[in-house]
Amino acid sequence: MSDLVDTLALSLPEAEALSLTEVALALDQARGANDPHAMAVALERNLQLWTAIKTLTTQPDSRIPREIAVNLTRLADFVAATILKAGTQIGQELVNTLVNINFQISEGLLEGSRRKAS
């Protein structure tokens, strides 16, 4: 699939939405397989992704509206704290929470991208 994605011209919000979705799916698959190594990899990818999101939202020249940036920063802090505290011993409910956060933010990014395109 990455070859296909490489050939598509994705906007930044679309690329971010894709990354969030891919990590959400990786978390879900690791949980379903009850695979601690896969869970560790997925959690690390999720932490890296949310660290990048926080970095983008806290840049002085960010074009992200202030209210959205604050909310994304808070979510990034929550995701990081959750992952760092629980590690690979993370419970089902917290994995569900992380997966749902990623999917919801992904949907929001795509919706915003659609509105800009219209």
N, C-alpha and C. Protein backbone atom coordinates (compact mmCIF):
# COMPACT_ATOMS: atom_id res chain seq x y z
N MET A 1 0.82 -1.19 0.00
CA MET A 1 0.00 0.00 0.00
C MET A 1 0.86 1.25 0.00
N SER A 2 2.03 1.23 0.63
CA SER A 2 2.84 2.43 0.68
C SER A 2 3.28 2.87 -0.71
N ASP A 3 3.46 1.92 -1.65
CA ASP A 3 3.79 2.31 -3.02
C ASP A 3 2.66 3.12 -3.63
N LEU A 4 1.44 2.70 -3.36
CA LEU A 4 0.28 3.41 -3.86
C LEU A 4 0.21 4.80 -3.23
N VAL A 5 0.42 4.86 -1.94
CA VAL A 5 0.37 6.14 -1.24
C VAL A 5 1.45 7.07 -1.75
N ASP A 6 2.65 6.52 -2.02
CA ASP A 6 3.74 7.34 -2.52
C ASP A 6 3.39 7.99 -3.86
N THR A 7 2.54 7.34 -4.64
CA THR A 7 2.21 7.88 -5.96
C THR A 7 1.07 8.88 -5.90
N LEU A 8 0.37 8.92 -4.78
CA LEU A 8 -0.73 9.86 -4.65
C LEU A 8 -0.23 11.19 -4.13
N ALA A 9 -0.86 12.24 -4.56
CA ALA A 9 -0.51 13.56 -4.06
C ALA A 9 -1.44 13.89 -2.90
N LEU A 10 -0.98 13.63 -1.69
CA LEU A 10 -1.79 13.89 -0.52
C LEU A 10 -1.46 15.25 0.05
N SER A 11 -2.47 15.94 0.52
CA SER A 11 -2.23 17.19 1.24
C SER A 11 -1.68 16.83 2.61
N LEU A 12 -1.13 17.80 3.32
CA LEU A 12 -0.61 17.53 4.66
C LEU A 12 -1.68 16.99 5.59
N PRO A 13 -2.89 17.59 5.64
CA PRO A 13 -3.92 17.01 6.50
C PRO A 13 -4.29 15.57 6.11
N GLU A 14 -4.32 15.28 4.81
CA GLU A 14 -4.63 13.91 4.37
C GLU A 14 -3.52 12.94 4.78
N ALA A 15 -2.27 13.37 4.65
CA ALA A 15 -1.15 12.52 5.05
C ALA A 15 -1.17 12.27 6.56
N GLU A 16 -1.49 13.31 7.33
CA GLU A 16 -1.58 13.15 8.78
C GLU A 16 -2.73 12.22 9.15
N ALA A 17 -3.85 12.36 8.46
CA ALA A 17 -5.00 11.49 8.70
C ALA A 17 -4.63 10.03 8.39
N LEU A 18 -3.91 9.82 7.31
CA LEU A 18 -3.48 8.47 6.94
C LEU A 18 -2.56 7.89 8.03
N SER A 19 -1.62 8.69 8.51
CA SER A 19 -0.71 8.23 9.56
C SER A 19 -1.46 7.86 10.83
N LEU A 20 -2.41 8.70 11.22
CA LEU A 20 -3.21 8.41 12.42
C LEU A 20 -4.00 7.12 12.26
N THR A 21 -4.56 6.93 11.08
CA THR A 21 -5.35 5.73 10.81
C THR A 21 -4.46 4.49 10.81
N GLU A 22 -3.30 4.57 10.16
CA GLU A 22 -2.39 3.43 10.13
C GLU A 22 -1.96 3.02 11.53
N VAL A 23 -1.65 3.99 12.39
CA VAL A 23 -1.24 3.67 13.75
C VAL A 23 -2.41 3.09 14.54
N ALA A 24 -3.60 3.64 14.36
CA ALA A 24 -4.78 3.10 15.04
C ALA A 24 -4.99 1.63 14.66
N LEU A 25 -4.85 1.34 13.38
CA LEU A 25 -5.01 -0.05 12.93
C LEU A 25 -3.91 -0.95 13.49
N ALA A 26 -2.68 -0.43 13.57
CA ALA A 26 -1.58 -1.22 14.14
C ALA A 26 -1.83 -1.53 15.61
N LEU A 27 -2.34 -0.55 16.35
CA LEU A 27 -2.68 -0.77 17.76
C LEU A 27 -3.76 -1.84 17.89
N ASP A 28 -4.78 -1.72 17.05
CA ASP A 28 -5.89 -2.66 17.10
C ASP A 28 -5.44 -4.07 16.74
N GLN A 29 -4.61 -4.19 15.72
CA GLN A 29 -4.11 -5.51 15.31
C GLN A 29 -3.21 -6.13 16.37
N ALA A 30 -2.36 -5.32 16.99
CA ALA A 30 -1.47 -5.83 18.05
C ALA A 30 -2.29 -6.33 19.23
N ARG A 31 -3.32 -5.58 19.56
CA ARG A 31 -4.19 -5.99 20.66
C ARG A 31 -4.89 -7.30 20.31
N GLY A 32 -5.43 -7.38 19.11
CA GLY A 32 -6.14 -8.58 18.67
C GLY A 32 -5.26 -9.81 18.63
N ALA A 33 -3.99 -9.62 18.29
CA ALA A 33 -3.05 -10.73 18.21
C ALA A 33 -2.43 -11.05 19.57
N ASN A 34 -2.69 -10.19 20.54
CA ASN A 34 -2.11 -10.34 21.87
C ASN A 34 -0.58 -10.47 21.76
N ASP A 35 0.01 -9.58 20.95
CA ASP A 35 1.43 -9.62 20.63
C ASP A 35 2.14 -8.45 21.31
N PRO A 36 2.88 -8.69 22.41
CA PRO A 36 3.54 -7.60 23.13
C PRO A 36 4.55 -6.83 22.27
N HIS A 37 5.27 -7.54 21.40
CA HIS A 37 6.24 -6.84 20.54
C HIS A 37 5.52 -5.90 19.56
N ALA A 38 4.49 -6.40 18.91
CA ALA A 38 3.73 -5.57 17.97
C ALA A 38 3.08 -4.40 18.70
N MET A 39 2.63 -4.63 19.94
CA MET A 39 2.04 -3.55 20.72
C MET A 39 3.10 -2.50 21.04
N ALA A 40 4.30 -2.93 21.41
CA ALA A 40 5.38 -1.99 21.72
C ALA A 40 5.71 -1.13 20.49
N VAL A 41 5.77 -1.76 19.33
CA VAL A 41 6.06 -1.04 18.09
C VAL A 41 4.94 -0.04 17.78
N ALA A 42 3.70 -0.48 17.90
CA ALA A 42 2.55 0.40 17.61
C ALA A 42 2.49 1.57 18.60
N LEU A 43 2.74 1.29 19.87
CA LEU A 43 2.74 2.36 20.87
C LEU A 43 3.84 3.37 20.60
N GLU A 44 5.01 2.88 20.21
CA GLU A 44 6.13 3.78 19.89
C GLU A 44 5.79 4.65 18.68
N ARG A 45 5.20 4.04 17.66
CA ARG A 45 4.79 4.82 16.47
C ARG A 45 3.75 5.86 16.85
N ASN A 46 2.81 5.49 17.72
CA ASN A 46 1.77 6.43 18.13
C ASN A 46 2.39 7.58 18.92
N LEU A 47 3.32 7.26 19.81
CA LEU A 47 4.00 8.29 20.60
C LEU A 47 4.77 9.25 19.68
N GLN A 48 5.48 8.70 18.72
CA GLN A 48 6.23 9.55 17.77
C GLN A 48 5.29 10.45 16.97
N LEU A 49 4.19 9.89 16.53
CA LEU A 49 3.22 10.65 15.74
C LEU A 49 2.65 11.81 16.56
N TRP A 50 2.24 11.52 17.79
CA TRP A 50 1.66 12.56 18.63
C TRP A 50 2.69 13.58 19.09
N THR A 51 3.95 13.16 19.21
CA THR A 51 5.01 14.12 19.51
C THR A 51 5.18 15.08 18.33
N ALA A 52 5.11 14.56 17.12
CA ALA A 52 5.19 15.40 15.92
C ALA A 52 4.00 16.35 15.84
N ILE A 53 2.81 15.86 16.16
CA ILE A 53 1.62 16.71 16.14
C ILE A 53 1.78 17.84 17.15
N LYS A 54 2.26 17.51 18.35
CA LYS A 54 2.45 18.55 19.37
C LYS A 54 3.47 19.58 18.90
N THR A 55 4.53 19.11 18.27
CA THR A 55 5.55 20.03 17.76
C THR A 55 4.94 20.99 16.74
N LEU A 56 4.11 20.46 15.83
CA LEU A 56 3.47 21.31 14.83
C LEU A 56 2.51 22.32 15.45
N THR A 57 1.78 21.87 16.46
CA THR A 57 0.76 22.76 17.05
C THR A 57 1.36 23.84 17.94
N THR A 58 2.58 23.64 18.40
CA THR A 58 3.18 24.62 19.31
C THR A 58 4.18 25.54 18.61
N GLN A 59 4.33 25.41 17.31
CA GLN A 59 5.21 26.30 16.56
C GLN A 59 4.62 27.71 16.54
N PRO A 60 5.45 28.72 16.76
CA PRO A 60 4.93 30.10 16.74
C PRO A 60 4.27 30.50 15.42
N ASP A 61 4.74 29.93 14.31
CA ASP A 61 4.20 30.28 13.00
C ASP A 61 3.14 29.29 12.52
N SER A 62 2.60 28.49 13.42
CA SER A 62 1.59 27.51 13.06
C SER A 62 0.34 28.20 12.52
N ARG A 63 -0.23 27.61 11.48
CA ARG A 63 -1.46 28.15 10.90
C ARG A 63 -2.70 27.50 11.51
N ILE A 64 -2.49 26.62 12.46
CA ILE A 64 -3.60 25.94 13.11
C ILE A 64 -4.30 26.92 14.03
N PRO A 65 -5.63 27.04 13.91
CA PRO A 65 -6.35 27.96 14.81
C PRO A 65 -6.03 27.64 16.27
N ARG A 66 -5.91 28.68 17.06
CA ARG A 66 -5.46 28.58 18.46
C ARG A 66 -6.25 27.52 19.25
N GLU A 67 -7.56 27.54 19.17
CA GLU A 67 -8.38 26.60 19.94
C GLU A 67 -8.09 25.16 19.56
N ILE A 68 -7.94 24.91 18.27
CA ILE A 68 -7.63 23.56 17.79
C ILE A 68 -6.23 23.15 18.24
N ALA A 69 -5.28 24.08 18.14
CA ALA A 69 -3.91 23.79 18.55
C ALA A 69 -3.85 23.43 20.03
N VAL A 70 -4.58 24.16 20.86
CA VAL A 70 -4.61 23.87 22.30
C VAL A 70 -5.19 22.49 22.55
N ASN A 71 -6.28 22.16 21.87
CA ASN A 71 -6.91 20.85 22.04
C ASN A 71 -5.99 19.72 21.57
N LEU A 72 -5.32 19.90 20.44
CA LEU A 72 -4.40 18.88 19.95
C LEU A 72 -3.20 18.72 20.88
N THR A 73 -2.74 19.82 21.43
CA THR A 73 -1.62 19.76 22.38
C THR A 73 -2.03 18.97 23.63
N ARG A 74 -3.23 19.22 24.11
CA ARG A 74 -3.73 18.48 25.28
C ARG A 74 -3.87 16.98 24.97
N LEU A 75 -4.39 16.68 23.79
CA LEU A 75 -4.49 15.28 23.39
C LEU A 75 -3.11 14.63 23.28
N ALA A 76 -2.17 15.35 22.70
CA ALA A 76 -0.80 14.83 22.58
C ALA A 76 -0.22 14.54 23.96
N ASP A 77 -0.45 15.45 24.90
CA ASP A 77 0.04 15.24 26.26
C ASP A 77 -0.62 14.02 26.90
N PHE A 78 -1.93 13.87 26.68
CA PHE A 78 -2.65 12.72 27.22
C PHE A 78 -2.12 11.41 26.62
N VAL A 79 -1.96 11.38 25.31
CA VAL A 79 -1.49 10.17 24.63
C VAL A 79 -0.09 9.81 25.15
N ALA A 80 0.80 10.80 25.22
CA ALA A 80 2.16 10.53 25.69
C ALA A 80 2.16 10.02 27.12
N ALA A 81 1.42 10.68 28.00
CA ALA A 81 1.37 10.26 29.40
C ALA A 81 0.80 8.85 29.54
N THR A 82 -0.23 8.56 28.77
CA THR A 82 -0.86 7.24 28.81
C THR A 82 0.11 6.15 28.38
N ILE A 83 0.80 6.38 27.27
CA ILE A 83 1.73 5.38 26.75
C ILE A 83 2.92 5.21 27.69
N LEU A 84 3.47 6.32 28.17
CA LEU A 84 4.65 6.23 29.03
C LEU A 84 4.32 5.58 30.37
N LYS A 85 3.13 5.81 30.87
CA LYS A 85 2.74 5.22 32.16
C LYS A 85 2.44 3.72 32.01
N ALA A 86 1.69 3.36 30.99
CA ALA A 86 1.24 1.97 30.86
C ALA A 86 2.24 1.07 30.15
N GLY A 87 2.95 1.60 29.18
CA GLY A 87 3.86 0.77 28.40
C GLY A 87 3.12 -0.36 27.72
N THR A 88 3.80 -1.47 27.54
CA THR A 88 3.18 -2.59 26.84
C THR A 88 2.15 -3.33 27.70
N GLN A 89 2.06 -2.95 28.96
CA GLN A 89 1.04 -3.55 29.84
C GLN A 89 -0.28 -2.78 29.76
N ILE A 90 -0.41 -1.98 28.72
CA ILE A 90 -1.59 -1.14 28.54
C ILE A 90 -2.85 -2.01 28.47
N GLY A 91 -3.89 -1.57 29.13
CA GLY A 91 -5.14 -2.32 29.15
C GLY A 91 -5.97 -2.10 27.89
N GLN A 92 -6.94 -2.98 27.71
CA GLN A 92 -7.83 -2.93 26.55
C GLN A 92 -8.54 -1.58 26.42
N GLU A 93 -9.01 -1.08 27.56
CA GLU A 93 -9.76 0.19 27.53
C GLU A 93 -8.90 1.35 27.06
N LEU A 94 -7.65 1.39 27.52
CA LEU A 94 -6.76 2.47 27.09
C LEU A 94 -6.38 2.33 25.62
N VAL A 95 -6.21 1.10 25.15
CA VAL A 95 -5.94 0.91 23.71
C VAL A 95 -7.15 1.40 22.92
N ASN A 96 -8.35 1.05 23.37
CA ASN A 96 -9.56 1.55 22.71
C ASN A 96 -9.57 3.07 22.66
N THR A 97 -9.19 3.70 23.77
CA THR A 97 -9.16 5.16 23.83
C THR A 97 -8.18 5.72 22.81
N LEU A 98 -6.97 5.16 22.75
CA LEU A 98 -5.97 5.65 21.80
C LEU A 98 -6.42 5.44 20.35
N VAL A 99 -7.00 4.29 20.07
CA VAL A 99 -7.50 4.01 18.72
C VAL A 99 -8.60 5.01 18.36
N ASN A 100 -9.53 5.23 19.27
CA ASN A 100 -10.64 6.16 19.01
C ASN A 100 -10.14 7.59 18.82
N ILE A 101 -9.18 8.02 19.61
CA ILE A 101 -8.61 9.36 19.45
C ILE A 101 -8.03 9.49 18.05
N ASN A 102 -7.22 8.52 17.64
CA ASN A 102 -6.61 8.60 16.32
C ASN A 102 -7.65 8.65 15.21
N PHE A 103 -8.67 7.78 15.30
CA PHE A 103 -9.70 7.78 14.26
C PHE A 103 -10.48 9.10 14.25
N GLN A 104 -10.82 9.63 15.40
CA GLN A 104 -11.59 10.87 15.45
C GLN A 104 -10.80 12.06 14.91
N ILE A 105 -9.53 12.15 15.27
CA ILE A 105 -8.72 13.25 14.76
C ILE A 105 -8.50 13.07 13.25
N SER A 106 -8.31 11.84 12.82
CA SER A 106 -8.17 11.57 11.39
C SER A 106 -9.41 12.04 10.63
N GLU A 107 -10.58 11.70 11.15
CA GLU A 107 -11.83 12.13 10.51
C GLU A 107 -11.93 13.65 10.47
N GLY A 108 -11.54 14.30 11.56
CA GLY A 108 -11.57 15.76 11.61
C GLY A 108 -10.64 16.39 10.58
N LEU A 109 -9.46 15.82 10.44
CA LEU A 109 -8.51 16.34 9.45
C LEU A 109 -9.06 16.19 8.03
N LEU A 110 -9.65 15.04 7.75
CA LEU A 110 -10.21 14.82 6.41
C LEU A 110 -11.40 15.74 6.15
N GLU A 111 -12.23 15.94 7.16
CA GLU A 111 -13.38 16.84 7.01
C GLU A 111 -12.91 18.27 6.74
N GLY A 112 -11.91 18.71 7.50
CA GLY A 112 -11.35 20.04 7.27
C GLY A 112 -10.74 20.18 5.90
N SER A 113 -10.10 19.13 5.44
CA SER A 113 -9.49 19.14 4.11
C SER A 113 -10.57 19.22 3.02
N ARG A 114 -11.69 18.51 3.23
CA ARG A 114 -12.80 18.56 2.27
C ARG A 114 -13.42 19.95 2.22
N ARG A 115 -13.57 20.56 3.39
CA ARG A 115 -14.16 21.91 3.43
C ARG A 115 -13.29 22.91 2.70
N LYS A 116 -11.97 22.80 2.85
CA LYS A 116 -11.04 23.71 2.17
C LYS A 116 -11.11 23.51 0.67
N ALA A 117 -11.30 22.26 0.24
CA ALA A 117 -11.33 21.95 -1.19
C ALA A 117 -12.59 22.45 -1.87
N SER A 118 -13.68 22.61 -1.10
CA SER A 118 -14.94 23.03 -1.72
C SER A 118 -15.03 24.52 -1.89
